Amino acid sequence: MHKTMTLFAAIAMLALAGAAHAGGDAAAGEAKAANCGGCHGANGAGTDSAPALAGLDEELHVQKMMAFKAGEGDPMMAMFAGQLSDEDIADIAAYYATLGGD
């Protein structure tokens, strides 16, 4: 029983890691990121109230968004992330990674 549980946990962790490392489609992400600009700026440069997304490492961005989607951190971001599929998150992260950060 313990071996089965350990194996199941290991497989689940690998599956989640694979989703977090999957590269997104930057072109698709550009359209999906339209709502993000309201707080993070039209080009993801950030504002006084929201951090910059432009140039953010794609993998880090996915990890942060998945945490928000799981209800961790900022409640407003959790609400927005909760509406996105894992593919949407990967695409948006890929798009912002292509933009030059300051």
PDB file of N, CA and C in Angstrom:
ATOM      1  N   MET A   1       0.833  -1.200   0.000  1.00  0.00           N
ATOM      2  CA  MET A   1       0.000   0.000   0.000  1.00  0.00           C
ATOM      3  C   MET A   1       0.867   1.249   0.000  1.00  0.00           C
ATOM      4  N   HIS A   2       1.877   1.275   0.876  1.00  0.00           N
ATOM      5  CA  HIS A   2       2.747   2.448   0.965  1.00  0.00           C
ATOM      6  C   HIS A   2       3.498   2.671  -0.343  1.00  0.00           C
ATOM      7  N   LYS A   3       3.949   1.576  -0.973  1.00  0.00           N
ATOM      8  CA  LYS A   3       4.663   1.693  -2.247  1.00  0.00           C
ATOM      9  C   LYS A   3       3.746   2.230  -3.330  1.00  0.00           C
ATOM     10  N   THR A   4       2.499   1.792  -3.322  1.00  0.00           N
ATOM     11  CA  THR A   4       1.535   2.261  -4.306  1.00  0.00           C
ATOM     12  C   THR A   4       1.273   3.750  -4.140  1.00  0.00           C
ATOM     13  N   MET A   5       1.106   4.181  -2.906  1.00  0.00           N
ATOM     14  CA  MET A   5       0.875   5.607  -2.632  1.00  0.00           C
ATOM     15  C   MET A   5       2.076   6.437  -3.042  1.00  0.00           C
ATOM     16  N   THR A   6       3.269   5.954  -2.747  1.00  0.00           N
ATOM     17  CA  THR A   6       4.488   6.670  -3.106  1.00  0.00           C
ATOM     18  C   THR A   6       4.618   6.763  -4.614  1.00  0.00           C
ATOM     19  N   LEU A   7       4.345   5.677  -5.318  1.00  0.00           N
ATOM     20  CA  LEU A   7       4.413   5.670  -6.772  1.00  0.00           C
ATOM     21  C   LEU A   7       3.389   6.633  -7.357  1.00  0.00           C
ATOM     22  N   PHE A   8       2.166   6.598  -6.827  1.00  0.00           N
ATOM     23  CA  PHE A   8       1.125   7.506  -7.305  1.00  0.00           C
ATOM     24  C   PHE A   8       1.540   8.961  -7.095  1.00  0.00           C
ATOM     25  N   ALA A   9       2.075   9.282  -5.935  1.00  0.00           N
ATOM     26  CA  ALA A   9       2.513  10.649  -5.639  1.00  0.00           C
ATOM     27  C   ALA A   9       3.626  11.072  -6.587  1.00  0.00           C
ATOM     28  N   ALA A  10       4.561  10.178  -6.869  1.00  0.00           N
ATOM     29  CA  ALA A  10       5.665  10.505  -7.774  1.00  0.00           C
ATOM     30  C   ALA A  10       5.155  10.764  -9.184  1.00  0.00           C
ATOM     31  N   ILE A  11       4.221   9.947  -9.646  1.00  0.00           N
ATOM     32  CA  ILE A  11       3.654  10.143 -10.983  1.00  0.00           C
ATOM     33  C   ILE A  11       2.886  11.460 -11.051  1.00  0.00           C
ATOM     34  N   ALA A  12       2.119  11.765 -10.026  1.00  0.00           N
ATOM     35  CA  ALA A  12       1.363  13.023  -9.997  1.00  0.00           C
ATOM     36  C   ALA A  12       2.303  14.223 -10.021  1.00  0.00           C
ATOM     37  N   MET A  13       3.391  14.148  -9.268  1.00  0.00           N
ATOM     38  CA  MET A  13       4.346  15.264  -9.247  1.00  0.00           C
ATOM     39  C   MET A  13       5.000  15.442 -10.604  1.00  0.00           C
ATOM     40  N   LEU A  14       5.332  14.355 -11.270  1.00  0.00           N
ATOM     41  CA  LEU A  14       5.922  14.449 -12.601  1.00  0.00           C
ATOM     42  C   LEU A  14       4.939  15.043 -13.601  1.00  0.00           C
ATOM     43  N   ALA A  15       3.692  14.669 -13.491  1.00  0.00           N
ATOM     44  CA  ALA A  15       2.678  15.217 -14.386  1.00  0.00           C
ATOM     45  C   ALA A  15       2.526  16.715 -14.178  1.00  0.00           C
ATOM     46  N   LEU A  16       2.488  17.145 -12.928  1.00  0.00           N
ATOM     47  CA  LEU A  16       2.380  18.578 -12.641  1.00  0.00           C
ATOM     48  C   LEU A  16       3.617  19.324 -13.100  1.00  0.00           C
ATOM     49  N   ALA A  17       4.777  18.758 -12.885  1.00  0.00           N
ATOM     50  CA  ALA A  17       6.021  19.395 -13.323  1.00  0.00           C
ATOM     51  C   ALA A  17       6.040  19.512 -14.835  1.00  0.00           C
ATOM     52  N   GLY A  18       5.551  18.484 -15.524  1.00  0.00           N
ATOM     53  CA  GLY A  18       5.507  18.531 -16.981  1.00  0.00           C
ATOM     54  C   GLY A  18       4.613  19.649 -17.472  1.00  0.00           C
ATOM     55  N   ALA A  19       3.480  19.848 -16.822  1.00  0.00           N
ATOM     56  CA  ALA A  19       2.574  20.928 -17.212  1.00  0.00           C
ATOM     57  C   ALA A  19       3.209  22.280 -16.962  1.00  0.00           C
ATOM     58  N   ALA A  20       3.936  22.414 -15.876  1.00  0.00           N
ATOM     59  CA  ALA A  20       4.560  23.686 -15.546  1.00  0.00           C
ATOM     60  C   ALA A  20       5.718  24.000 -16.470  1.00  0.00           C
ATOM     61  N   HIS A  21       6.356  22.969 -17.047  1.00  0.00           N
ATOM     62  CA  HIS A  21       7.505  23.194 -17.909  1.00  0.00           C
ATOM     63  C   HIS A  21       7.127  23.258 -19.379  1.00  0.00           C
ATOM     64  N   ALA A  22       5.877  22.952 -19.696  1.00  0.00           N
ATOM     65  CA  ALA A  22       5.464  22.935 -21.088  1.00  0.00           C
ATOM     66  C   ALA A  22       5.522  24.340 -21.657  1.00  0.00           C
ATOM     67  N   GLY A  23       6.126  24.478 -22.811  1.00  0.00           N
ATOM     68  CA  GLY A  23       6.214  25.784 -23.456  1.00  0.00           C
ATOM     69  C   GLY A  23       4.885  26.182 -24.045  1.00  0.00           C
ATOM     70  N   GLY A  24       4.542  27.409 -23.869  1.00  0.00           N
ATOM     71  CA  GLY A  24       3.286  27.900 -24.408  1.00  0.00           C
ATOM     72  C   GLY A  24       3.461  28.508 -25.784  1.00  0.00           C
ATOM     73  N   ASP A  25       2.374  28.918 -26.378  1.00  0.00           N
ATOM     74  CA  ASP A  25       2.322  29.533 -27.697  1.00  0.00           C
ATOM     75  C   ASP A  25       2.225  31.045 -27.499  1.00  0.00           C
ATOM     76  N   ALA A  26       3.326  31.745 -27.761  1.00  0.00           N
ATOM     77  CA  ALA A  26       3.384  33.187 -27.520  1.00  0.00           C
ATOM     78  C   ALA A  26       2.360  33.947 -28.363  1.00  0.00           C
ATOM     79  N   ALA A  27       2.159  33.523 -29.602  1.00  0.00           N
ATOM     80  CA  ALA A  27       1.196  34.209 -30.465  1.00  0.00           C
ATOM     81  C   ALA A  27      -0.216  34.104 -29.895  1.00  0.00           C
ATOM     82  N   ALA A  28      -0.576  32.918 -29.429  1.00  0.00           N
ATOM     83  CA  ALA A  28      -1.894  32.740 -28.809  1.00  0.00           C
ATOM     84  C   ALA A  28      -1.967  33.512 -27.499  1.00  0.00           C
ATOM     85  N   GLY A  29      -0.853  33.555 -26.782  1.00  0.00           N
ATOM     86  CA  GLY A  29      -0.806  34.247 -25.502  1.00  0.00           C
ATOM     87  C   GLY A  29      -1.036  35.742 -25.617  1.00  0.00           C
ATOM     88  N   GLU A  30      -0.619  36.326 -26.744  1.00  0.00           N
ATOM     89  CA  GLU A  30      -0.803  37.774 -26.925  1.00  0.00           C
ATOM     90  C   GLU A  30      -2.287  38.135 -26.856  1.00  0.00           C
ATOM     91  N   ALA A  31      -3.129  37.384 -27.522  1.00  0.00           N
ATOM     92  CA  ALA A  31      -4.571  37.654 -27.487  1.00  0.00           C
ATOM     93  C   ALA A  31      -5.151  37.354 -26.112  1.00  0.00           C
ATOM     94  N   LYS A  32      -4.687  36.281 -25.491  1.00  0.00           N
ATOM     95  CA  LYS A  32      -5.212  35.878 -24.186  1.00  0.00           C
ATOM     96  C   LYS A  32      -4.798  36.845 -23.079  1.00  0.00           C
ATOM     97  N   ALA A  33      -3.724  37.612 -23.290  1.00  0.00           N
ATOM     98  CA  ALA A  33      -3.204  38.526 -22.276  1.00  0.00           C
ATOM     99  C   ALA A  33      -3.884  39.893 -22.287  1.00  0.00           C
ATOM    100  N   ALA A  34      -4.849  40.074 -23.153  1.00  0.00           N
ATOM    101  CA  ALA A  34      -5.497  41.390 -23.288  1.00  0.00           C
ATOM    102  C   ALA A  34      -6.016  41.920 -21.952  1.00  0.00           C
ATOM    103  N   ASN A  35      -6.632  41.077 -21.152  1.00  0.00           N
ATOM    104  CA  ASN A  35      -7.181  41.526 -19.866  1.00  0.00           C
ATOM    105  C   ASN A  35      -6.098  41.868 -18.856  1.00  0.00           C
ATOM    106  N   CYS A  36      -4.928  41.296 -18.996  1.00  0.00           N
ATOM    107  CA  CYS A  36      -3.830  41.535 -18.046  1.00  0.00           C
ATOM    108  C   CYS A  36      -3.372  42.996 -18.093  1.00  0.00           C
ATOM    109  N   GLY A  37      -3.475  43.586 -19.286  1.00  0.00           N
ATOM    110  CA  GLY A  37      -3.008  44.951 -19.475  1.00  0.00           C
ATOM    111  C   GLY A  37      -3.735  45.977 -18.637  1.00  0.00           C
ATOM    112  N   GLY A  38      -4.946  45.682 -18.222  1.00  0.00           N
ATOM    113  CA  GLY A  38      -5.702  46.621 -17.398  1.00  0.00           C
ATOM    114  C   GLY A  38      -4.980  46.984 -16.115  1.00  0.00           C
ATOM    115  N   CYS A  39      -4.265  46.042 -15.545  1.00  0.00           N
ATOM    116  CA  CYS A  39      -3.518  46.295 -14.307  1.00  0.00           C
ATOM    117  C   CYS A  39      -2.007  46.340 -14.524  1.00  0.00           C
ATOM    118  N   HIS A  40      -1.517  45.469 -15.412  1.00  0.00           N
ATOM    119  CA  HIS A  40      -0.067  45.331 -15.576  1.00  0.00           C
ATOM    120  C   HIS A  40       0.494  46.206 -16.697  1.00  0.00           C
ATOM    121  N   GLY A  41      -0.347  47.013 -17.331  1.00  0.00           N
ATOM    122  CA  GLY A  41       0.095  47.890 -18.411  1.00  0.00           C
ATOM    123  C   GLY A  41      -0.047  47.204 -19.762  1.00  0.00           C
ATOM    124  N   ALA A  42      -0.278  48.006 -20.778  1.00  0.00           N
ATOM    125  CA  ALA A  42      -0.556  47.483 -22.115  1.00  0.00           C
ATOM    126  C   ALA A  42       0.539  46.561 -22.635  1.00  0.00           C
ATOM    127  N   ASN A  43       1.779  46.845 -22.327  1.00  0.00           N
ATOM    128  CA  ASN A  43       2.887  46.011 -22.788  1.00  0.00           C
ATOM    129  C   ASN A  43       3.515  45.214 -21.657  1.00  0.00           C
ATOM    130  N   GLY A  44       2.791  45.085 -20.558  1.00  0.00           N
ATOM    131  CA  GLY A  44       3.283  44.302 -19.436  1.00  0.00           C
ATOM    132  C   GLY A  44       4.422  44.944 -18.677  1.00  0.00           C
ATOM    133  N   ALA A  45       4.587  46.258 -18.838  1.00  0.00           N
ATOM    134  CA  ALA A  45       5.691  46.971 -18.185  1.00  0.00           C
ATOM    135  C   ALA A  45       5.456  47.202 -16.701  1.00  0.00           C
ATOM    136  N   GLY A  46       4.241  46.944 -16.241  1.00  0.00           N
ATOM    137  CA  GLY A  46       3.918  47.153 -14.833  1.00  0.00           C
ATOM    138  C   GLY A  46       3.373  48.536 -14.579  1.00  0.00           C
ATOM    139  N   THR A  47       2.757  48.687 -13.428  1.00  0.00           N
ATOM    140  CA  THR A  47       2.188  49.964 -13.001  1.00  0.00           C
ATOM    141  C   THR A  47       2.514  50.141 -11.528  1.00  0.00           C
ATOM    142  N   ASP A  48       2.033  51.243 -10.960  1.00  0.00           N
ATOM    143  CA  ASP A  48       2.257  51.468  -9.529  1.00  0.00           C
ATOM    144  C   ASP A  48       1.624  50.371  -8.675  1.00  0.00           C
ATOM    145  N   SER A  49       0.532  49.776  -9.183  1.00  0.00           N
ATOM    146  CA  SER A  49      -0.194  48.797  -8.375  1.00  0.00           C
ATOM    147  C   SER A  49       0.012  47.344  -8.803  1.00  0.00           C
ATOM    148  N   ALA A  50       0.704  47.112  -9.922  1.00  0.00           N
ATOM    149  CA  ALA A  50       0.892  45.733 -10.403  1.00  0.00           C
ATOM    150  C   ALA A  50       2.299  45.581 -10.982  1.00  0.00           C
ATOM    151  N   PRO A  51       2.942  44.460 -10.711  1.00  0.00           N
ATOM    152  CA  PRO A  51       4.321  44.270 -11.170  1.00  0.00           C
ATOM    153  C   PRO A  51       4.422  44.075 -12.683  1.00  0.00           C
ATOM    154  N   ALA A  52       5.622  44.292 -13.196  1.00  0.00           N
ATOM    155  CA  ALA A  52       5.907  44.077 -14.613  1.00  0.00           C
ATOM    156  C   ALA A  52       5.839  42.585 -14.930  1.00  0.00           C
ATOM    157  N   LEU A  53       5.322  42.277 -16.097  1.00  0.00           N
ATOM    158  CA  LEU A  53       5.285  40.907 -16.594  1.00  0.00           C
ATOM    159  C   LEU A  53       6.216  40.740 -17.792  1.00  0.00           C
ATOM    160  N   ALA A  54       6.492  41.847 -18.486  1.00  0.00           N
ATOM    161  CA  ALA A  54       7.350  41.807 -19.673  1.00  0.00           C
ATOM    162  C   ALA A  54       8.740  41.303 -19.305  1.00  0.00           C
ATOM    163  N   GLY A  55       9.193  40.298 -20.037  1.00  0.00           N
ATOM    164  CA  GLY A  55      10.521  39.743 -19.819  1.00  0.00           C
ATOM    165  C   GLY A  55      10.613  38.760 -18.668  1.00  0.00           C
ATOM    166  N   LEU A  56       9.497  38.499 -18.003  1.00  0.00           N
ATOM    167  CA  LEU A  56       9.491  37.557 -16.881  1.00  0.00           C
ATOM    168  C   LEU A  56       9.775  36.154 -17.407  1.00  0.00           C
ATOM    169  N   ASP A  57      10.612  35.409 -16.709  1.00  0.00           N
ATOM    170  CA  ASP A  57      10.934  34.041 -17.088  1.00  0.00           C
ATOM    171  C   ASP A  57       9.643  33.237 -17.237  1.00  0.00           C
ATOM    172  N   GLU A  58       9.517  32.556 -18.359  1.00  0.00           N
ATOM    173  CA  GLU A  58       8.278  31.827 -18.668  1.00  0.00           C
ATOM    174  C   GLU A  58       7.931  30.791 -17.609  1.00  0.00           C
ATOM    175  N   GLU A  59       8.894  29.997 -17.204  1.00  0.00           N
ATOM    176  CA  GLU A  59       8.636  28.948 -16.212  1.00  0.00           C
ATOM    177  C   GLU A  59       8.229  29.546 -14.872  1.00  0.00           C
ATOM    178  N   LEU A  60       8.906  30.605 -14.456  1.00  0.00           N
ATOM    179  CA  LEU A  60       8.562  31.270 -13.200  1.00  0.00           C
ATOM    180  C   LEU A  60       7.155  31.845 -13.264  1.00  0.00           C
ATOM    181  N   HIS A  61       6.819  32.442 -14.408  1.00  0.00           N
ATOM    182  CA  HIS A  61       5.490  33.031 -14.579  1.00  0.00           C
ATOM    183  C   HIS A  61       4.413  31.943 -14.464  1.00  0.00           C
ATOM    184  N   VAL A  62       4.646  30.796 -15.119  1.00  0.00           N
ATOM    185  CA  VAL A  62       3.686  29.693 -15.035  1.00  0.00           C
ATOM    186  C   VAL A  62       3.528  29.239 -13.587  1.00  0.00           C
ATOM    187  N   GLN A  63       4.635  29.092 -12.885  1.00  0.00           N
ATOM    188  CA  GLN A  63       4.576  28.649 -11.491  1.00  0.00           C
ATOM    189  C   GLN A  63       3.772  29.626 -10.633  1.00  0.00           C
ATOM    190  N   LYS A  64       4.013  30.912 -10.822  1.00  0.00           N
ATOM    191  CA  LYS A  64       3.280  31.914 -10.043  1.00  0.00           C
ATOM    192  C   LYS A  64       1.788  31.888 -10.369  1.00  0.00           C
ATOM    193  N   MET A  65       1.465  31.787 -11.655  1.00  0.00           N
ATOM    194  CA  MET A  65       0.058  31.767 -12.050  1.00  0.00           C
ATOM    195  C   MET A  65      -0.647  30.505 -11.558  1.00  0.00           C
ATOM    196  N   MET A  66       0.042  29.385 -11.567  1.00  0.00           N
ATOM    197  CA  MET A  66      -0.556  28.147 -11.066  1.00  0.00           C
ATOM    198  C   MET A  66      -0.812  28.256  -9.560  1.00  0.00           C
ATOM    199  N   ALA A  67       0.078  28.940  -8.852  1.00  0.00           N
ATOM    200  CA  ALA A  67      -0.139  29.156  -7.416  1.00  0.00           C
ATOM    201  C   ALA A  67      -1.369  30.038  -7.197  1.00  0.00           C
ATOM    202  N   PHE A  68      -1.491  31.100  -7.995  1.00  0.00           N
ATOM    203  CA  PHE A  68      -2.687  31.949  -7.888  1.00  0.00           C
ATOM    204  C   PHE A  68      -3.937  31.121  -8.195  1.00  0.00           C
ATOM    205  N   LYS A  69      -3.871  30.306  -9.238  1.00  0.00           N
ATOM    206  CA  LYS A  69      -5.012  29.478  -9.633  1.00  0.00           C
ATOM    207  C   LYS A  69      -5.419  28.533  -8.507  1.00  0.00           C
ATOM    208  N   ALA A  70      -4.436  28.110  -7.719  1.00  0.00           N
ATOM    209  CA  ALA A  70      -4.702  27.221  -6.580  1.00  0.00           C
ATOM    210  C   ALA A  70      -5.213  27.993  -5.367  1.00  0.00           C
ATOM    211  N   GLY A  71      -5.344  29.315  -5.506  1.00  0.00           N
ATOM    212  CA  GLY A  71      -5.885  30.117  -4.417  1.00  0.00           C
ATOM    213  C   GLY A  71      -4.843  30.709  -3.495  1.00  0.00           C
ATOM    214  N   GLU A  72      -3.578  30.586  -3.862  1.00  0.00           N
ATOM    215  CA  GLU A  72      -2.505  31.137  -3.032  1.00  0.00           C
ATOM    216  C   GLU A  72      -2.261  32.599  -3.399  1.00  0.00           C
ATOM    217  N   GLY A  73      -1.909  33.396  -2.413  1.00  0.00           N
ATOM    218  CA  GLY A  73      -1.522  34.778  -2.671  1.00  0.00           C
ATOM    219  C   GLY A  73      -2.695  35.716  -2.850  1.00  0.00           C
ATOM    220  N   ASP A  74      -2.519  36.683  -3.717  1.00  0.00           N
ATOM    221  CA  ASP A  74      -3.466  37.761  -3.947  1.00  0.00           C
ATOM    222  C   ASP A  74      -4.839  37.245  -4.406  1.00  0.00           C
ATOM    223  N   PRO A  75      -5.893  37.601  -3.671  1.00  0.00           N
ATOM    224  CA  PRO A  75      -7.241  37.117  -4.032  1.00  0.00           C
ATOM    225  C   PRO A  75      -7.704  37.570  -5.420  1.00  0.00           C
ATOM    226  N   MET A  76      -7.319  38.783  -5.835  1.00  0.00           N
ATOM    227  CA  MET A  76      -7.718  39.278  -7.148  1.00  0.00           C
ATOM    228  C   MET A  76      -7.063  38.436  -8.246  1.00  0.00           C
ATOM    229  N   MET A  77      -5.770  38.138  -8.077  1.00  0.00           N
ATOM    230  CA  MET A  77      -5.084  37.311  -9.056  1.00  0.00           C
ATOM    231  C   MET A  77      -5.618  35.886  -9.039  1.00  0.00           C
ATOM    232  N   ALA A  78      -5.982  35.395  -7.876  1.00  0.00           N
ATOM    233  CA  ALA A  78      -6.556  34.051  -7.778  1.00  0.00           C
ATOM    234  C   ALA A  78      -7.859  33.978  -8.577  1.00  0.00           C
ATOM    235  N   MET A  79      -8.640  35.044  -8.523  1.00  0.00           N
ATOM    236  CA  MET A  79      -9.890  35.090  -9.268  1.00  0.00           C
ATOM    237  C   MET A  79      -9.622  35.047 -10.778  1.00  0.00           C
ATOM    238  N   PHE A  80      -8.691  35.890 -11.245  1.00  0.00           N
ATOM    239  CA  PHE A  80      -8.384  35.918 -12.676  1.00  0.00           C
ATOM    240  C   PHE A  80      -7.755  34.606 -13.132  1.00  0.00           C
ATOM    241  N   ALA A  81      -6.777  34.106 -12.388  1.00  0.00           N
ATOM    242  CA  ALA A  81      -6.088  32.866 -12.766  1.00  0.00           C
ATOM    243  C   ALA A  81      -7.034  31.676 -12.749  1.00  0.00           C
ATOM    244  N   GLY A  82      -8.008  31.702 -11.852  1.00  0.00           N
ATOM    245  CA  GLY A  82      -8.966  30.620 -11.762  1.00  0.00           C
ATOM    246  C   GLY A  82      -9.827  30.471 -13.004  1.00  0.00           C
ATOM    247  N   GLN A  83      -9.896  31.522 -13.807  1.00  0.00           N
ATOM    248  CA  GLN A  83     -10.683  31.496 -15.041  1.00  0.00           C
ATOM    249  C   GLN A  83      -9.879  30.983 -16.230  1.00  0.00           C
ATOM    250  N   LEU A  84      -8.580  30.766 -16.036  1.00  0.00           N
ATOM    251  CA  LEU A  84      -7.694  30.366 -17.136  1.00  0.00           C
ATOM    252  C   LEU A  84      -7.423  28.867 -17.102  1.00  0.00           C
ATOM    253  N   SER A  85      -7.298  28.285 -18.278  1.00  0.00           N
ATOM    254  CA  SER A  85      -6.868  26.891 -18.364  1.00  0.00           C
ATOM    255  C   SER A  85      -5.345  26.856 -18.194  1.00  0.00           C
ATOM    256  N   ASP A  86      -4.799  25.675 -17.968  1.00  0.00           N
ATOM    257  CA  ASP A  86      -3.349  25.537 -17.878  1.00  0.00           C
ATOM    258  C   ASP A  86      -2.692  25.964 -19.192  1.00  0.00           C
ATOM    259  N   GLU A  87      -3.348  25.665 -20.314  1.00  0.00           N
ATOM    260  CA  GLU A  87      -2.833  26.073 -21.626  1.00  0.00           C
ATOM    261  C   GLU A  87      -2.834  27.598 -21.750  1.00  0.00           C
ATOM    262  N   ASP A  88      -3.907  28.243 -21.299  1.00  0.00           N
ATOM    263  CA  ASP A  88      -3.963  29.705 -21.323  1.00  0.00           C
ATOM    264  C   ASP A  88      -2.791  30.301 -20.541  1.00  0.00           C
ATOM    265  N   ILE A  89      -2.540  29.755 -19.369  1.00  0.00           N
ATOM    266  CA  ILE A  89      -1.453  30.254 -18.518  1.00  0.00           C
ATOM    267  C   ILE A  89      -0.118  30.080 -19.218  1.00  0.00           C
ATOM    268  N   ALA A  90       0.115  28.924 -19.806  1.00  0.00           N
ATOM    269  CA  ALA A  90       1.380  28.676 -20.521  1.00  0.00           C
ATOM    270  C   ALA A  90       1.528  29.635 -21.695  1.00  0.00           C
ATOM    271  N   ASP A  91       0.447  29.875 -22.429  1.00  0.00           N
ATOM    272  CA  ASP A  91       0.498  30.778 -23.581  1.00  0.00           C
ATOM    273  C   ASP A  91       0.781  32.214 -23.154  1.00  0.00           C
ATOM    274  N   ILE A  92       0.104  32.669 -22.120  1.00  0.00           N
ATOM    275  CA  ILE A  92       0.311  34.034 -21.621  1.00  0.00           C
ATOM    276  C   ILE A  92       1.741  34.213 -21.117  1.00  0.00           C
ATOM    277  N   ALA A  93       2.238  33.227 -20.391  1.00  0.00           N
ATOM    278  CA  ALA A  93       3.617  33.293 -19.891  1.00  0.00           C
ATOM    279  C   ALA A  93       4.611  33.327 -21.039  1.00  0.00           C
ATOM    280  N   ALA A  94       4.350  32.545 -22.074  1.00  0.00           N
ATOM    281  CA  ALA A  94       5.240  32.538 -23.253  1.00  0.00           C
ATOM    282  C   ALA A  94       5.240  33.908 -23.922  1.00  0.00           C
ATOM    283  N   TYR A  95       4.074  34.509 -24.039  1.00  0.00           N
ATOM    284  CA  TYR A  95       3.976  35.838 -24.650  1.00  0.00           C
ATOM    285  C   TYR A  95       4.773  36.872 -23.863  1.00  0.00           C
ATOM    286  N   TYR A  96       4.551  36.963 -22.568  1.00  0.00           N
ATOM    287  CA  TYR A  96       5.257  37.972 -21.771  1.00  0.00           C
ATOM    288  C   TYR A  96       6.767  37.728 -21.746  1.00  0.00           C
ATOM    289  N   ALA A  97       7.171  36.477 -21.852  1.00  0.00           N
ATOM    290  CA  ALA A  97       8.608  36.169 -21.870  1.00  0.00           C
ATOM    291  C   ALA A  97       9.287  36.722 -23.119  1.00  0.00           C
ATOM    292  N   THR A  98       8.500  36.916 -24.198  1.00  0.00           N
ATOM    293  CA  THR A  98       9.080  37.440 -25.434  1.00  0.00           C
ATOM    294  C   THR A  98       9.254  38.953 -25.413  1.00  0.00           C
ATOM    295  N   LEU A  99       8.608  39.617 -24.470  1.00  0.00           N
ATOM    296  CA  LEU A  99       8.690  41.072 -24.386  1.00  0.00           C
ATOM    297  C   LEU A  99       9.907  41.483 -23.571  1.00  0.00           C
ATOM    298  N   GLY A 100      10.544  42.531 -23.971  1.00  0.00           N
ATOM    299  CA  GLY A 100      11.703  43.009 -23.224  1.00  0.00           C
ATOM    300  C   GLY A 100      11.301  43.639 -21.916  1.00  0.00           C
ATOM    301  N   GLY A 101      11.909  43.200 -20.855  1.00  0.00           N
ATOM    302  CA  GLY A 101      11.668  43.810 -19.558  1.00  0.00           C
ATOM    303  C   GLY A 101      12.655  44.939 -19.323  1.00  0.00           C
ATOM    304  N   ASP A 102      12.325  45.839 -18.420  1.00  0.00           N
ATOM    305  CA  ASP A 102      13.230  46.960 -18.122  1.00  0.00           C
ATOM    306  C   ASP A 102      14.239  46.577 -17.072  1.00  0.00           C
TER     307      ASP A 102
END
